Protein backbone atom coordinates (compact mmCIF):
# COMPACT_ATOMS: atom_id res chain seq x y z
CA MET A 1 114.34 95.75 43.33
CA PHE A 2 112.18 92.99 44.80
CA THR A 3 110.22 93.81 47.96
CA ILE A 4 108.03 91.63 50.13
CA ALA A 5 105.61 93.08 52.67
CA PHE A 6 104.60 90.94 55.64
CA LEU A 7 101.41 91.80 57.51
CA THR A 8 101.57 90.13 60.91
CA ARG A 9 99.85 89.74 64.24
CA ARG A 10 101.02 88.47 67.59
CA VAL A 11 100.47 84.97 68.91
CA PRO A 12 97.40 84.59 71.12
CA GLY A 13 98.09 85.55 74.72
CA MET A 14 100.92 87.97 73.93
CA THR A 15 100.45 91.66 74.69
CA ARG A 16 101.22 94.37 72.14
CA ASP A 17 104.07 95.59 74.35
CA GLU A 18 105.58 92.09 74.51
CA PHE A 19 105.15 91.70 70.76
CA PHE A 20 106.88 94.97 69.90
CA ARG A 21 109.69 94.44 72.39
CA HIS A 22 110.48 91.11 70.70
CA TYR A 23 109.92 92.55 67.20
CA HIS A 24 112.41 95.36 67.82
CA GLU A 25 114.98 93.78 70.13
CA THR A 26 115.16 90.20 68.80
CA HIS A 27 113.59 89.98 65.35
CA PHE A 28 115.16 93.13 63.89
CA PRO A 29 118.77 91.96 64.45
CA LEU A 30 117.94 88.54 62.96
CA ALA A 31 116.27 90.04 59.90
CA SER A 32 119.16 92.47 59.41
CA ARG A 33 121.53 89.50 58.99
CA LEU A 34 119.74 88.09 55.92
CA PRO A 35 122.27 87.76 53.10
CA GLY A 36 121.57 90.09 50.19
CA LEU A 37 119.11 92.25 52.15
CA VAL A 38 119.06 95.79 50.72
CA SER A 39 116.64 97.32 53.23
CA TYR A 40 114.33 96.26 56.05
CA GLN A 41 111.58 98.32 57.62
CA GLN A 42 109.37 97.60 60.63
CA ASN A 43 106.05 99.44 60.99
CA ARG A 44 103.50 99.43 63.80
CA ILE A 45 99.85 99.26 62.69
CA GLY A 46 97.93 102.25 64.02
CA HIS A 47 99.44 105.41 65.46
CA GLU A 48 100.35 105.90 69.09
CA ASP A 49 99.14 109.50 69.35
CA GLY A 50 95.64 108.52 68.30
CA ILE A 51 95.33 111.22 65.63
CA TRP A 52 94.97 108.71 62.81
CA ALA A 53 93.80 105.52 64.43
CA GLU A 54 93.99 103.75 67.74
CA PRO A 55 95.56 100.25 67.67
CA GLU A 56 92.13 98.86 68.52
CA SER A 57 90.92 100.10 65.12
CA PHE A 58 93.03 97.36 63.52
CA PRO A 59 92.33 94.39 65.78
CA ASP A 60 93.53 91.76 63.34
CA TYR A 61 97.09 92.93 62.67
CA ASP A 62 99.91 94.50 64.65
CA ALA A 63 102.77 95.13 62.24
CA LEU A 64 103.80 95.56 58.62
CA SER A 65 107.38 94.76 57.57
CA PHE A 66 109.13 95.41 54.26
CA TYR A 67 112.13 93.37 53.08
CA SER A 68 113.88 94.55 49.89
CA PHE A 69 116.39 92.62 47.79
CA ASP A 70 118.03 93.16 44.41
CA SER A 71 115.93 90.35 42.89
CA ARG A 72 113.44 87.61 43.66
CA GLU A 73 116.29 85.10 43.41
CA ALA A 74 118.22 87.02 46.09
CA ALA A 75 115.13 86.97 48.33
CA ASP A 76 114.64 83.24 47.79
CA ALA A 77 118.29 82.60 48.63
CA ALA A 78 118.11 84.79 51.74
CA PHE A 79 115.06 83.09 53.20
CA SER A 80 116.53 79.65 52.37
CA SER A 81 119.85 80.45 54.07
CA PRO A 82 120.73 79.51 57.67
CA GLU A 83 120.01 83.14 58.63
CA GLY A 84 116.60 82.88 56.95
CA GLN A 85 115.86 79.65 58.78
CA ALA A 86 116.76 81.29 62.11
CA LEU A 87 114.48 84.22 61.23
CA ASN A 88 111.59 81.87 60.39
CA GLU A 89 112.06 79.96 63.64
CA ASP A 90 111.96 83.22 65.59
CA THR A 91 108.85 84.34 63.70
CA GLY A 92 106.91 81.39 65.09
CA THR A 93 107.72 82.36 68.67
CA PHE A 94 105.85 85.68 68.60
CA MET A 95 103.94 86.01 65.31
CA ASP A 96 100.86 83.98 64.48
CA TRP A 97 102.24 82.09 61.45
CA PRO A 98 98.87 80.95 60.01
CA SER A 99 97.69 84.56 59.77
CA VAL A 100 100.87 86.07 58.25
CA LEU A 101 100.20 87.64 54.86
CA SER A 102 103.18 87.91 52.52
CA ILE A 103 102.69 90.35 49.68
CA PRO A 104 105.24 90.93 46.91
CA VAL A 105 105.17 94.64 46.08
CA GLU A 106 106.70 96.76 43.36
CA GLN A 107 107.42 100.38 44.14
CA THR A 108 106.28 102.51 41.23
CA GLN A 109 106.86 105.99 42.65
CA ARG A 110 108.45 107.50 45.72
CA TYR A 111 108.68 110.97 47.21
CA ASP A 112 111.26 111.89 49.84
CA ARG A 113 111.13 115.41 51.20
CA GLY A 114 114.24 117.35 50.31
CA THR A 115 115.36 115.12 47.43
CA ALA A 116 113.21 116.56 44.66
């Protein structure tokens, strides 16, 4: 499995609500169409109930996404495809491209309640 994490923030002038509406309603369907995509996860930075951290505690970033593929080659092909190009074009409309951090990650252990 090859996974890439993307740490992102919204373009200047966009509210968090506007960012997350676009992230969920527009970007998610585009990302889900990537060929060879095994899983995709969107995560909001901070926690809405304030128990762990208010969004203001992480002023630099808004979201963390995980894209998983069977291999690096599958990921390269997906992001080079027409669907990948459409996704990249959309990214520039609401995410601040220069600040996006892409981090290849390798899962070494996982716990899921009820599966052990």
